[in-house]
Amino acid sequence: MNEERLAYFKQKLEGLHRAERNSAGAIRDGLRVPLRESAQELSLYDNHPGDVSNATFERELDLGLMIDADNRLSMVEDALRAIDSGTYGICRSCGREIDPERLEAVPYALLCLECKQKLESDRI
């Protein structure tokens, strides 16, 4: 991969890194609010169970979103390290070049499409 293309992907990955870090941070800030406050009640005891379960569901949803953002953040950081080490754009599994269209769609991809599909089918 030429230097200009590498610089393009590094800039794109750095932007994704900022966005994911901000997203995970905002979700974390929301999770720091006690459930009682997010349910906007003085006491959870006098609420209908459905009301409490709705607040609990939303809290679990936020936790899942935070975990997802943390995972993407980790993948972006791995891709940035690959750029620094000179291995970006090379499949970690088979060693072939990753299709530039795949990198455009998923800049933090470290596996070619074939290896990614094989990995996912092996999990089933």
N, C-alpha and C. Protein backbone atom coordinates (compact mmCIF):
# COMPACT_ATOMS: atom_id res chain seq x y z
N MET A 1 0.85 -1.17 0.00
CA MET A 1 0.00 0.00 0.00
C MET A 1 0.90 1.23 0.00
N ASN A 2 0.58 2.19 -0.86
CA ASN A 2 1.43 3.38 -0.95
C ASN A 2 1.21 4.31 0.25
N GLU A 3 2.16 5.21 0.45
CA GLU A 3 2.16 6.11 1.61
C GLU A 3 0.93 7.01 1.66
N GLU A 4 0.49 7.49 0.50
CA GLU A 4 -0.68 8.38 0.44
C GLU A 4 -1.93 7.64 0.91
N ARG A 5 -2.10 6.43 0.44
CA ARG A 5 -3.26 5.61 0.82
C ARG A 5 -3.20 5.27 2.31
N LEU A 6 -2.01 4.95 2.79
CA LEU A 6 -1.81 4.64 4.21
C LEU A 6 -2.15 5.85 5.08
N ALA A 7 -1.73 7.03 4.65
CA ALA A 7 -2.04 8.26 5.40
C ALA A 7 -3.55 8.50 5.41
N TYR A 8 -4.21 8.21 4.29
CA TYR A 8 -5.67 8.35 4.22
C TYR A 8 -6.35 7.45 5.26
N PHE A 9 -5.94 6.17 5.31
CA PHE A 9 -6.56 5.25 6.26
C PHE A 9 -6.20 5.60 7.70
N LYS A 10 -5.00 6.08 7.92
CA LYS A 10 -4.62 6.48 9.28
C LYS A 10 -5.50 7.63 9.75
N GLN A 11 -5.72 8.60 8.89
CA GLN A 11 -6.58 9.74 9.24
C GLN A 11 -8.01 9.26 9.50
N LYS A 12 -8.49 8.36 8.66
CA LYS A 12 -9.85 7.83 8.82
C LYS A 12 -9.96 7.06 10.15
N LEU A 13 -8.96 6.25 10.46
CA LEU A 13 -8.96 5.48 11.71
C LEU A 13 -8.86 6.39 12.93
N GLU A 14 -8.06 7.44 12.84
CA GLU A 14 -7.95 8.37 13.97
C GLU A 14 -9.29 9.08 14.22
N GLY A 15 -10.02 9.40 13.15
CA GLY A 15 -11.35 9.98 13.32
C GLY A 15 -12.32 9.00 13.96
N LEU A 16 -12.27 7.75 13.52
CA LEU A 16 -13.10 6.71 14.14
C LEU A 16 -12.73 6.52 15.60
N HIS A 17 -11.45 6.58 15.91
CA HIS A 17 -10.99 6.42 17.28
C HIS A 17 -11.58 7.50 18.18
N ARG A 18 -11.52 8.75 17.72
CA ARG A 18 -12.11 9.85 18.50
C ARG A 18 -13.61 9.65 18.69
N ALA A 19 -14.29 9.27 17.61
CA ALA A 19 -15.75 9.10 17.68
C ALA A 19 -16.13 7.97 18.63
N GLU A 20 -15.43 6.85 18.55
CA GLU A 20 -15.75 5.71 19.43
C GLU A 20 -15.41 6.02 20.88
N ARG A 21 -14.30 6.72 21.10
CA ARG A 21 -13.93 7.09 22.47
C ARG A 21 -14.97 8.03 23.06
N ASN A 22 -15.44 8.99 22.26
CA ASN A 22 -16.47 9.92 22.74
C ASN A 22 -17.78 9.19 23.00
N SER A 23 -18.14 8.28 22.10
CA SER A 23 -19.38 7.52 22.25
C SER A 23 -19.35 6.66 23.52
N ALA A 24 -18.26 5.92 23.70
CA ALA A 24 -18.15 5.07 24.90
C ALA A 24 -18.14 5.93 26.16
N GLY A 25 -17.48 7.08 26.11
CA GLY A 25 -17.44 7.97 27.28
C GLY A 25 -18.80 8.52 27.63
N ALA A 26 -19.56 8.91 26.61
CA ALA A 26 -20.90 9.44 26.87
C ALA A 26 -21.81 8.37 27.47
N ILE A 27 -21.70 7.17 26.96
CA ILE A 27 -22.52 6.07 27.50
C ILE A 27 -22.10 5.78 28.93
N ARG A 28 -20.79 5.75 29.19
CA ARG A 28 -20.29 5.52 30.55
C ARG A 28 -20.83 6.59 31.51
N ASP A 29 -20.82 7.83 31.06
CA ASP A 29 -21.34 8.91 31.90
C ASP A 29 -22.81 8.66 32.25
N GLY A 30 -23.58 8.21 31.28
CA GLY A 30 -24.99 7.90 31.53
C GLY A 30 -25.17 6.74 32.50
N LEU A 31 -24.26 5.78 32.42
CA LEU A 31 -24.35 4.62 33.32
C LEU A 31 -23.95 4.95 34.75
N ARG A 32 -23.25 6.06 34.93
CA ARG A 32 -22.87 6.48 36.28
C ARG A 32 -24.05 7.03 37.07
N VAL A 33 -25.11 7.39 36.37
CA VAL A 33 -26.32 7.90 37.03
C VAL A 33 -27.03 6.70 37.67
N PRO A 34 -27.30 6.77 38.96
CA PRO A 34 -27.98 5.64 39.61
C PRO A 34 -29.32 5.33 38.95
N LEU A 35 -29.69 4.07 38.96
CA LEU A 35 -30.94 3.62 38.34
C LEU A 35 -32.13 4.39 38.93
N ARG A 36 -32.09 4.67 40.19
CA ARG A 36 -33.17 5.41 40.84
C ARG A 36 -33.36 6.78 40.20
N GLU A 37 -32.24 7.46 39.89
CA GLU A 37 -32.34 8.77 39.26
C GLU A 37 -32.79 8.66 37.81
N SER A 38 -32.32 7.63 37.12
CA SER A 38 -32.71 7.50 35.72
C SER A 38 -34.18 7.12 35.59
N ALA A 39 -34.73 6.49 36.65
CA ALA A 39 -36.16 6.17 36.66
C ALA A 39 -36.98 7.36 37.15
N GLN A 40 -36.29 8.41 37.62
CA GLN A 40 -36.90 9.64 38.08
C GLN A 40 -37.92 9.41 39.19
N GLU A 41 -37.53 8.57 40.12
CA GLU A 41 -38.40 8.28 41.25
C GLU A 41 -37.60 8.38 42.54
N LEU A 42 -38.28 8.71 43.63
CA LEU A 42 -37.63 8.71 44.92
C LEU A 42 -37.43 7.29 45.43
N SER A 43 -38.33 6.43 45.06
CA SER A 43 -38.26 5.04 45.51
C SER A 43 -38.69 4.12 44.38
N LEU A 44 -38.00 3.02 44.25
CA LEU A 44 -38.38 2.03 43.23
C LEU A 44 -39.43 1.06 43.77
N TYR A 45 -39.71 1.13 45.07
CA TYR A 45 -40.62 0.18 45.68
C TYR A 45 -42.08 0.39 45.30
N ASP A 46 -42.47 1.66 45.08
CA ASP A 46 -43.88 1.92 44.80
C ASP A 46 -44.19 1.94 43.30
N ASN A 47 -43.24 1.61 42.48
CA ASN A 47 -43.45 1.58 41.04
C ASN A 47 -44.05 0.26 40.58
N HIS A 48 -44.76 0.33 39.50
CA HIS A 48 -45.24 -0.88 38.85
C HIS A 48 -44.01 -1.62 38.32
N PRO A 49 -43.97 -2.96 38.43
CA PRO A 49 -42.80 -3.71 37.95
C PRO A 49 -42.44 -3.42 36.49
N GLY A 50 -43.43 -3.11 35.68
CA GLY A 50 -43.17 -2.79 34.28
C GLY A 50 -42.37 -1.52 34.12
N ASP A 51 -42.62 -0.54 35.00
CA ASP A 51 -41.88 0.72 34.94
C ASP A 51 -40.41 0.50 35.29
N VAL A 52 -40.18 -0.28 36.32
CA VAL A 52 -38.82 -0.56 36.75
C VAL A 52 -38.11 -1.40 35.69
N SER A 53 -38.82 -2.36 35.11
CA SER A 53 -38.17 -3.21 34.11
C SER A 53 -37.80 -2.41 32.87
N ASN A 54 -38.58 -1.39 32.53
CA ASN A 54 -38.24 -0.54 31.40
C ASN A 54 -36.93 0.20 31.66
N ALA A 55 -36.77 0.75 32.86
CA ALA A 55 -35.53 1.45 33.20
C ALA A 55 -34.36 0.47 33.21
N THR A 56 -34.58 -0.73 33.71
CA THR A 56 -33.54 -1.75 33.74
C THR A 56 -33.16 -2.17 32.33
N PHE A 57 -34.15 -2.34 31.46
CA PHE A 57 -33.88 -2.69 30.06
C PHE A 57 -33.03 -1.62 29.38
N GLU A 58 -33.38 -0.36 29.60
CA GLU A 58 -32.62 0.72 29.00
C GLU A 58 -31.19 0.75 29.52
N ARG A 59 -31.00 0.45 30.79
CA ARG A 59 -29.66 0.39 31.38
C ARG A 59 -28.86 -0.75 30.74
N GLU A 60 -29.49 -1.90 30.56
CA GLU A 60 -28.80 -3.03 29.93
C GLU A 60 -28.47 -2.72 28.47
N LEU A 61 -29.36 -2.03 27.78
CA LEU A 61 -29.11 -1.63 26.40
C LEU A 61 -27.90 -0.70 26.33
N ASP A 62 -27.83 0.27 27.24
CA ASP A 62 -26.68 1.18 27.29
C ASP A 62 -25.39 0.42 27.57
N LEU A 63 -25.46 -0.56 28.45
CA LEU A 63 -24.27 -1.36 28.75
C LEU A 63 -23.81 -2.12 27.51
N GLY A 64 -24.74 -2.69 26.78
CA GLY A 64 -24.40 -3.39 25.53
C GLY A 64 -23.79 -2.45 24.51
N LEU A 65 -24.34 -1.24 24.39
CA LEU A 65 -23.80 -0.25 23.46
C LEU A 65 -22.39 0.16 23.87
N MET A 66 -22.14 0.28 25.17
CA MET A 66 -20.82 0.65 25.64
C MET A 66 -19.81 -0.46 25.33
N ILE A 67 -20.20 -1.70 25.55
CA ILE A 67 -19.31 -2.83 25.25
C ILE A 67 -19.01 -2.87 23.76
N ASP A 68 -20.02 -2.64 22.93
CA ASP A 68 -19.83 -2.62 21.48
C ASP A 68 -18.87 -1.50 21.08
N ALA A 69 -19.04 -0.31 21.65
CA ALA A 69 -18.16 0.82 21.35
C ALA A 69 -16.73 0.52 21.81
N ASP A 70 -16.58 -0.11 22.98
CA ASP A 70 -15.25 -0.49 23.47
C ASP A 70 -14.59 -1.50 22.54
N ASN A 71 -15.37 -2.46 22.03
CA ASN A 71 -14.83 -3.45 21.10
C ASN A 71 -14.36 -2.80 19.81
N ARG A 72 -15.17 -1.90 19.26
CA ARG A 72 -14.77 -1.19 18.03
C ARG A 72 -13.54 -0.34 18.29
N LEU A 73 -13.49 0.31 19.45
CA LEU A 73 -12.33 1.12 19.81
C LEU A 73 -11.07 0.26 19.84
N SER A 74 -11.17 -0.92 20.40
CA SER A 74 -10.03 -1.84 20.45
C SER A 74 -9.60 -2.26 19.04
N MET A 75 -10.57 -2.53 18.15
CA MET A 75 -10.23 -2.92 16.78
C MET A 75 -9.57 -1.77 16.03
N VAL A 76 -10.04 -0.55 16.26
CA VAL A 76 -9.44 0.62 15.62
C VAL A 76 -8.00 0.79 16.12
N GLU A 77 -7.79 0.61 17.42
CA GLU A 77 -6.44 0.73 17.98
C GLU A 77 -5.52 -0.34 17.40
N ASP A 78 -6.03 -1.57 17.21
CA ASP A 78 -5.25 -2.63 16.57
C ASP A 78 -4.85 -2.24 15.15
N ALA A 79 -5.78 -1.65 14.42
CA ALA A 79 -5.50 -1.24 13.04
C ALA A 79 -4.46 -0.11 13.01
N LEU A 80 -4.55 0.83 13.96
CA LEU A 80 -3.55 1.90 14.02
C LEU A 80 -2.16 1.34 14.35
N ARG A 81 -2.11 0.34 15.22
CA ARG A 81 -0.82 -0.31 15.52
C ARG A 81 -0.30 -1.04 14.28
N ALA A 82 -1.21 -1.63 13.49
CA ALA A 82 -0.80 -2.30 12.25
C ALA A 82 -0.20 -1.30 11.27
N ILE A 83 -0.76 -0.11 11.21
CA ILE A 83 -0.18 0.93 10.34
C ILE A 83 1.23 1.26 10.81
N ASP A 84 1.39 1.44 12.12
CA ASP A 84 2.70 1.79 12.67
C ASP A 84 3.73 0.68 12.44
N SER A 85 3.28 -0.58 12.47
CA SER A 85 4.21 -1.70 12.30
C SER A 85 4.41 -2.09 10.83
N GLY A 86 3.64 -1.46 9.93
CA GLY A 86 3.79 -1.75 8.51
C GLY A 86 3.02 -2.97 8.02
N THR A 87 2.07 -3.44 8.82
CA THR A 87 1.31 -4.63 8.42
C THR A 87 -0.14 -4.33 8.07
N TYR A 88 -0.50 -3.05 8.02
CA TYR A 88 -1.89 -2.69 7.71
C TYR A 88 -2.22 -3.08 6.28
N GLY A 89 -3.40 -3.66 6.11
CA GLY A 89 -3.85 -4.06 4.78
C GLY A 89 -3.45 -5.47 4.42
N ILE A 90 -2.78 -6.16 5.34
CA ILE A 90 -2.36 -7.55 5.14
C ILE A 90 -3.17 -8.41 6.11
N CYS A 91 -3.81 -9.44 5.57
CA CYS A 91 -4.64 -10.34 6.39
C CYS A 91 -3.78 -11.02 7.45
N ARG A 92 -4.22 -10.96 8.68
CA ARG A 92 -3.49 -11.60 9.78
C ARG A 92 -3.58 -13.12 9.74
N SER A 93 -4.51 -13.63 8.99
CA SER A 93 -4.68 -15.08 8.94
C SER A 93 -3.92 -15.72 7.78
N CYS A 94 -4.15 -15.23 6.57
CA CYS A 94 -3.55 -15.87 5.39
C CYS A 94 -2.37 -15.11 4.80
N GLY A 95 -2.20 -13.84 5.20
CA GLY A 95 -1.07 -13.05 4.71
C GLY A 95 -1.28 -12.38 3.37
N ARG A 96 -2.48 -12.54 2.79
CA ARG A 96 -2.77 -11.88 1.52
C ARG A 96 -3.21 -10.44 1.77
N GLU A 97 -3.16 -9.65 0.72
CA GLU A 97 -3.61 -8.26 0.81
C GLU A 97 -5.13 -8.22 0.98
N ILE A 98 -5.58 -7.35 1.88
CA ILE A 98 -7.02 -7.16 2.09
C ILE A 98 -7.53 -6.25 0.98
N ASP A 99 -8.65 -6.62 0.40
CA ASP A 99 -9.25 -5.85 -0.69
C ASP A 99 -9.45 -4.39 -0.26
N PRO A 100 -8.97 -3.42 -1.05
CA PRO A 100 -9.14 -2.01 -0.69
C PRO A 100 -10.60 -1.61 -0.48
N GLU A 101 -11.53 -2.24 -1.18
CA GLU A 101 -12.95 -1.93 -0.97
C GLU A 101 -13.39 -2.35 0.43
N ARG A 102 -12.85 -3.46 0.92
CA ARG A 102 -13.17 -3.90 2.28
C ARG A 102 -12.61 -2.90 3.29
N LEU A 103 -11.38 -2.45 3.07
CA LEU A 103 -10.79 -1.48 3.99
C LEU A 103 -11.53 -0.14 3.96
N GLU A 104 -12.06 0.20 2.80
CA GLU A 104 -12.84 1.44 2.70
C GLU A 104 -14.12 1.31 3.53
N ALA A 105 -14.75 0.15 3.48
CA ALA A 105 -16.00 -0.08 4.22
C ALA A 105 -15.73 -0.30 5.71
N VAL A 106 -14.68 -1.05 6.02
CA VAL A 106 -14.34 -1.39 7.40
C VAL A 106 -12.84 -1.13 7.58
N PRO A 107 -12.45 0.12 7.83
CA PRO A 107 -11.02 0.45 7.87
C PRO A 107 -10.24 -0.28 8.95
N TYR A 108 -10.91 -0.79 9.96
CA TYR A 108 -10.22 -1.51 11.03
C TYR A 108 -10.18 -3.02 10.78
N ALA A 109 -10.55 -3.46 9.57
CA ALA A 109 -10.51 -4.88 9.23
C ALA A 109 -9.06 -5.37 9.22
N LEU A 110 -8.81 -6.47 9.89
CA LEU A 110 -7.48 -7.06 9.92
C LEU A 110 -7.45 -8.43 9.26
N LEU A 111 -8.62 -8.86 8.77
CA LEU A 111 -8.74 -10.13 8.05
C LEU A 111 -9.36 -9.85 6.69
N CYS A 112 -8.94 -10.61 5.69
CA CYS A 112 -9.59 -10.50 4.39
C CYS A 112 -11.00 -11.08 4.52
N LEU A 113 -11.81 -10.82 3.54
CA LEU A 113 -13.22 -11.24 3.60
C LEU A 113 -13.34 -12.76 3.72
N GLU A 114 -12.53 -13.50 2.96
CA GLU A 114 -12.60 -14.96 2.98
C GLU A 114 -12.26 -15.50 4.37
N CYS A 115 -11.20 -14.98 4.99
CA CYS A 115 -10.81 -15.46 6.32
C CYS A 115 -11.84 -15.05 7.38
N LYS A 116 -12.41 -13.87 7.24
CA LYS A 116 -13.44 -13.42 8.17
C LYS A 116 -14.68 -14.32 8.08
N GLN A 117 -15.09 -14.64 6.84
CA GLN A 117 -16.25 -15.53 6.65
C GLN A 117 -15.96 -16.92 7.20
N LYS A 118 -14.75 -17.42 6.99
CA LYS A 118 -14.39 -18.74 7.52
C LYS A 118 -14.42 -18.73 9.04
N LEU A 119 -13.88 -17.67 9.63
CA LEU A 119 -13.89 -17.55 11.09
C LEU A 119 -15.30 -17.54 11.65
N GLU A 120 -16.20 -16.78 10.99
CA GLU A 120 -17.58 -16.71 11.46
C GLU A 120 -18.31 -18.03 11.25
N SER A 121 -18.04 -18.74 10.16
CA SER A 121 -18.71 -20.02 9.93
C SER A 121 -18.20 -21.09 10.88
N ASP A 122 -16.94 -20.98 11.31
CA ASP A 122 -16.39 -21.93 12.28
C ASP A 122 -17.01 -21.76 13.66
N ARG A 123 -17.51 -20.57 13.96
CA ARG A 123 -18.13 -20.29 15.26
C ARG A 123 -19.52 -20.89 15.38
N ILE A 124 -20.13 -21.21 14.25
CA ILE A 124 -21.51 -21.73 14.27
C ILE A 124 -21.56 -23.16 14.67
